[in-house]
């Protein structure tokens, strides 16, 4: 999808937070944790069509212009009426930009499990570390939230028939034109035997190619509580303040034990 592939899913926020916490490129981390790019939460919801409540496994892969893999992130995904949840185990993620010791460092302080939550109704996104009872908070711009409520033009051009994980799919070029006139393009594989579910979504951003592939889809409504912050969660406005809290916890553990 042109212009917005990095914001296809709030994994960008998740990876950015990890980069900032565990020593990745500073400028990239700041860019990701500032919030999601305009437009692309609305476009993703539109690509999902009538599927507004489901759970699935999701694998996100990114390759650069030379075809080299720069990101491979398997996670659990859930959608409920525009709200999104992604649960990631850092130890299972591979990223060219994430330091090799990040998983070990995260595990040592109980931060290997990361949950991203997108709440358009609250105009916020969260990068949650459940075991640490802490989260980063990033705002969603009001115009981005408003975009979810406005109709868009969707054009679907069938290209081929292919099979993915045993599911017969129609591969199409899908163009979503937002109310402001900005077009987004993606290649989408709709599974005929899964209620036309978009089993794979492929977008291009500059020289990077991003592929989202779903599996084990369950068409049932997730529990609303899964999209809320647990009671007692501490909120931090940026990665620096969260990093300081992590360091303080490490110092206390070193002195008093876990």
Protein backbone atom coordinates (compact mmCIF):
# COMPACT_ATOMS: atom_id res chain seq x y z
CA UNK A 1 0.00 0.00 0.00
CA UNK A 2 1.69 3.16 -1.13
CA UNK A 3 2.75 5.85 1.31
CA UNK A 4 1.66 4.06 4.48
CA UNK A 5 2.97 0.53 4.67
CA UNK A 6 4.95 1.21 7.84
CA UNK A 7 1.71 1.98 9.62
CA UNK A 8 -0.23 -1.00 8.27
CA UNK A 9 -0.29 -2.28 11.80
CA UNK A 10 1.00 -0.82 15.06
CA UNK A 11 3.90 -3.24 14.96
CA UNK A 12 5.78 -0.12 13.86
CA UNK A 13 5.10 1.37 17.26
CA UNK A 14 6.16 -1.86 18.93
CA UNK A 15 9.45 -2.17 17.05
CA UNK A 16 10.16 1.51 17.56
CA UNK A 17 9.68 1.18 21.29
CA UNK A 18 12.05 -1.78 21.41
CA UNK A 19 14.67 0.10 19.41
CA UNK A 20 14.48 3.01 21.81
CA UNK A 21 14.57 0.84 24.92
CA UNK A 22 17.37 -1.49 23.84
CA UNK A 23 19.74 0.71 21.90
CA UNK A 24 18.51 0.91 18.32
CA UNK A 25 18.90 3.93 16.06
CA UNK A 26 17.65 6.92 17.97
CA UNK A 27 16.02 8.79 15.11
CA UNK A 28 14.11 5.73 13.92
CA UNK A 29 12.88 4.93 17.41
CA UNK A 30 11.68 8.49 17.93
CA UNK A 31 9.84 8.39 14.63
CA UNK A 32 7.99 5.19 15.47
CA UNK A 33 7.05 6.08 19.03
CA UNK A 34 5.67 9.46 18.05
CA UNK A 35 2.50 7.80 16.83
CA UNK A 36 1.16 6.05 13.77
CA UNK A 37 1.32 7.56 10.31
CA UNK A 38 -1.89 9.21 9.09
CA UNK A 39 -4.41 7.14 7.26
CA UNK A 40 -3.24 3.76 7.61
CA UNK A 41 -5.39 2.33 10.47
CA UNK A 42 -8.50 3.32 8.52
CA UNK A 43 -7.22 1.74 5.29
CA UNK A 44 -6.35 -1.55 7.00
CA UNK A 45 -9.83 -1.77 8.50
CA UNK A 46 -11.25 -1.14 5.04
CA UNK A 47 -9.10 -3.91 3.53
CA UNK A 48 -10.53 -6.31 6.09
CA UNK A 49 -13.97 -5.59 4.66
CA UNK A 50 -16.87 -7.04 6.62
CA UNK A 51 -14.55 -8.88 9.01
CA UNK A 52 -14.74 -6.64 12.04
CA UNK A 53 -14.40 -9.22 14.80
CA UNK A 54 -11.93 -12.11 14.67
CA UNK A 55 -8.74 -13.57 16.10
CA UNK A 56 -5.82 -14.99 14.13
CA UNK A 57 -2.14 -15.63 13.97
CA UNK A 58 -0.33 -12.94 12.01
CA UNK A 59 3.15 -12.98 10.54
CA UNK A 60 4.65 -9.72 9.36
CA UNK A 61 7.71 -9.83 7.12
CA UNK A 62 9.64 -6.98 5.54
CA UNK A 63 12.31 -7.12 2.85
CA UNK A 64 14.50 -4.37 1.45
CA UNK A 65 15.20 -3.45 -2.17
CA UNK A 66 17.71 -6.28 -2.50
CA UNK A 67 15.18 -8.82 -1.30
CA UNK A 68 16.93 -9.26 2.05
CA UNK A 69 14.67 -9.85 5.03
CA UNK A 70 14.79 -7.01 7.55
CA UNK A 71 11.91 -8.08 9.79
CA UNK A 72 10.09 -11.30 10.66
CA UNK A 73 7.53 -10.99 13.44
CA UNK A 74 4.96 -13.68 14.31
CA UNK A 75 2.20 -12.61 16.68
CA UNK A 76 -1.34 -13.13 17.86
CA UNK A 77 -3.79 -10.63 16.38
CA UNK A 78 -7.35 -9.64 17.25
CA UNK A 79 -9.79 -7.10 15.83
CA UNK A 80 -12.99 -5.88 17.43
CA UNK A 81 -14.99 -3.11 15.77
CA UNK A 82 -11.95 -1.06 14.78
CA UNK A 83 -9.93 -1.82 17.91
CA UNK A 84 -6.75 -3.81 17.28
CA UNK A 85 -4.56 -5.97 19.48
CA UNK A 86 -1.24 -7.60 18.63
CA UNK A 87 0.69 -9.80 21.06
CA UNK A 88 4.36 -10.37 20.30
CA UNK A 89 7.08 -12.48 21.92
CA UNK A 90 10.33 -10.58 21.36
CA UNK A 91 12.36 -13.79 21.56
CA UNK A 92 10.60 -15.02 18.40
CA UNK A 93 11.05 -11.82 16.42
CA UNK A 94 13.92 -11.22 13.99
CA UNK A 95 14.84 -7.67 13.03
CA UNK A 96 17.86 -6.20 11.30
CA UNK A 97 17.46 -3.00 13.34
CA UNK A 98 16.99 -4.64 16.73
CA UNK A 99 20.23 -5.39 18.61
CA UNK A 100 21.01 -9.09 18.98
CA UNK A 101 20.97 -8.87 22.77
CA UNK A 102 17.57 -7.14 22.90
CA UNK A 103 15.64 -10.36 23.53
CA UNK A 104 17.97 -11.36 26.36
CA UNK A 105 17.79 -7.88 27.86
CA UNK A 106 14.00 -7.84 27.60
CA UNK A 107 13.65 -11.29 29.16
CA UNK A 108 15.92 -10.33 32.06
CA UNK A 109 13.46 -7.67 33.21
CA UNK A 110 10.24 -9.44 32.25
CA UNK A 111 9.61 -7.46 29.08
CA UNK A 112 9.80 -10.19 26.43
CA UNK A 113 6.01 -10.15 25.96
CA UNK A 114 4.75 -6.99 24.24
CA UNK A 115 1.15 -6.11 23.45
CA UNK A 116 0.16 -3.32 21.09
CA UNK A 117 -3.34 -1.89 21.38
CA UNK A 118 -4.99 0.56 19.00
CA UNK A 119 -7.99 2.40 20.45
CA UNK A 120 -9.50 4.83 17.93
CA UNK A 121 -12.33 5.51 20.37
CA UNK A 122 -9.78 6.90 22.82
CA UNK A 123 -7.51 8.42 20.16
CA UNK A 124 -4.58 6.51 21.65
CA UNK A 125 -2.32 3.54 20.98
CA UNK A 126 -0.50 1.57 23.65
CA UNK A 127 2.72 -0.43 23.76
CA UNK A 128 2.08 -2.61 26.79
CA UNK A 129 4.50 -4.76 28.80
CA UNK A 130 2.06 -6.87 30.88
CA UNK A 131 4.62 -8.42 33.23
CA UNK A 132 6.05 -4.99 33.98
CA UNK A 133 2.59 -3.39 34.29
CA UNK A 134 3.76 -0.48 32.17
CA UNK A 135 3.01 0.96 28.75
CA UNK A 136 4.05 3.61 26.28
CA UNK A 137 1.20 5.85 25.14
CA UNK A 138 1.08 7.43 21.68
CA UNK A 139 -1.73 9.68 20.46
CA UNK A 140 -3.84 9.07 17.39
CA UNK A 141 -4.59 12.28 15.57
CA UNK A 142 -8.24 13.35 15.54
CA UNK A 143 -8.28 13.45 11.73
CA UNK A 144 -7.02 9.88 11.57
CA UNK A 145 -9.79 8.72 13.86
CA UNK A 146 -12.34 10.69 11.86
CA UNK A 147 -11.15 8.92 8.70
CA UNK A 148 -12.43 5.64 10.13
CA UNK A 149 -15.95 7.06 10.14
CA UNK A 150 -15.95 8.34 6.56
CA UNK A 151 -16.65 6.30 3.44
CA UNK A 152 -13.83 5.53 1.04
CA UNK A 153 -13.73 4.32 -2.54
CA UNK A 154 -12.44 0.76 -2.87
CA UNK A 155 -11.50 -0.69 -6.24
CA UNK A 156 -10.58 -4.35 -6.61
CA UNK A 157 -8.84 -5.64 -9.76
CA UNK A 158 -8.50 -9.46 -9.90
CA UNK A 159 -5.10 -10.60 -11.18
CA UNK A 160 -4.75 -14.34 -10.61
CA UNK A 161 -5.87 -17.39 -8.68
CA UNK A 162 -3.41 -18.82 -6.16
CA UNK A 163 -3.45 -21.16 -3.18
CA UNK A 164 -2.15 -20.10 0.23
CA UNK A 165 -1.87 -22.66 3.04
CA UNK A 166 -4.40 -24.84 1.23
CA UNK A 167 -6.93 -22.03 0.78
CA UNK A 168 -7.98 -21.08 -2.78
CA UNK A 169 -7.48 -17.33 -3.16
CA UNK A 170 -8.05 -14.60 -5.69
CA UNK A 171 -5.06 -12.29 -5.88
CA UNK A 172 -6.19 -8.71 -6.54
CA UNK A 173 -4.80 -5.21 -6.72
CA UNK A 174 -6.87 -3.19 -4.27
CA UNK A 175 -6.94 0.60 -4.29
CA UNK A 176 -8.41 2.44 -1.31
CA UNK A 177 -9.04 6.13 -1.94
CA UNK A 178 -9.61 8.01 1.28
CA UNK A 179 -12.10 10.91 1.59
CA UNK A 180 -9.18 13.34 1.28
CA UNK A 181 -8.32 11.84 -2.10
CA UNK A 182 -5.15 10.02 -0.99
CA UNK A 183 -4.95 6.60 -2.69
CA UNK A 184 -3.38 3.51 -1.10
CA UNK A 185 -2.60 0.39 -3.10
CA UNK A 186 -2.05 -3.19 -1.95
CA UNK A 187 -1.95 -6.68 -3.34
CA UNK A 188 -4.51 -8.75 -1.46
CA UNK A 189 -5.21 -12.49 -1.53
CA UNK A 190 -8.89 -13.13 -0.61
CA UNK A 191 -9.65 -16.70 0.51
CA UNK A 192 -12.79 -18.07 -1.15
CA UNK A 193 -13.34 -20.68 1.57
CA UNK A 194 -12.89 -18.18 4.42
CA UNK A 195 -15.66 -15.71 3.63
CA UNK A 196 -13.36 -13.70 1.31
CA UNK A 197 -10.97 -13.02 4.18
CA UNK A 198 -7.77 -11.15 3.08
CA UNK A 199 -5.37 -13.94 3.92
CA UNK A 200 -2.33 -12.01 2.68
CA UNK A 201 -1.74 -8.28 2.24
CA UNK A 202 1.37 -6.99 0.49
CA UNK A 203 2.41 -3.35 0.31
CA UNK A 204 5.40 -1.35 -0.89
CA UNK A 205 6.96 1.67 0.80
CA UNK A 206 9.87 3.05 -1.18
CA UNK A 207 12.22 0.08 -1.63
CA UNK A 208 10.73 -1.92 1.24
CA UNK A 209 8.11 -4.63 0.77
CA UNK A 210 5.89 -5.57 3.69
CA UNK A 211 3.76 -8.72 3.79
CA UNK A 212 1.09 -9.48 6.38
CA UNK A 213 -0.15 -13.07 6.36
CA UNK A 214 -2.94 -14.41 8.55
CA UNK A 215 -3.53 -18.01 9.62
CA UNK A 216 -5.74 -19.91 12.04
CA UNK A 217 -8.53 -17.36 11.65
CA UNK A 218 -11.42 -17.69 14.07
CA UNK A 219 -14.53 -15.69 13.26
CA UNK A 220 -15.63 -14.92 16.77
CA UNK A 221 -15.80 -11.75 18.84
CA UNK A 222 -12.75 -11.30 21.10
CA UNK A 223 -13.35 -10.33 24.71
CA UNK A 224 -13.64 -6.52 25.05
CA UNK A 225 -11.31 -6.61 28.06
CA UNK A 226 -8.49 -7.78 25.78
CA UNK A 227 -8.39 -4.27 24.31
CA UNK A 228 -8.13 -2.50 27.68
CA UNK A 229 -5.08 -1.77 29.79
CA UNK A 230 -4.97 -3.98 32.90
CA UNK A 231 -5.79 -2.23 36.16
CA UNK A 232 -2.76 -0.65 37.74
CA UNK A 233 -0.82 -0.19 34.51
CA UNK A 234 1.66 2.69 34.67
CA UNK A 235 1.57 4.98 31.62
CA UNK A 236 4.67 6.61 30.11
CA UNK A 237 4.66 9.29 27.38
CA UNK A 238 7.96 8.25 25.80
CA UNK A 239 10.54 5.48 25.66
CA UNK A 240 13.04 7.46 27.73
CA UNK A 241 10.81 7.65 30.79
CA UNK A 242 9.94 3.97 30.46
CA UNK A 243 13.64 3.11 30.13
CA UNK A 244 14.36 4.97 33.34
CA UNK A 245 11.66 2.99 35.13
CA UNK A 246 13.16 -0.25 33.78
CA UNK A 247 16.62 0.74 35.02
CA UNK A 248 15.25 1.54 38.46
CA UNK A 249 13.57 -1.86 38.58
CA UNK A 250 16.84 -3.56 37.61
CA UNK A 251 18.67 -1.72 40.36
CA UNK A 252 16.07 -2.74 42.94
CA UNK A 253 16.29 -6.36 41.79
CA UNK A 254 20.08 -6.26 42.02
CA UNK A 255 19.86 -4.99 45.60
CA UNK A 256 16.87 -6.89 46.96
CA UNK A 257 16.45 -9.75 44.49
CA UNK A 258 13.47 -10.36 42.16
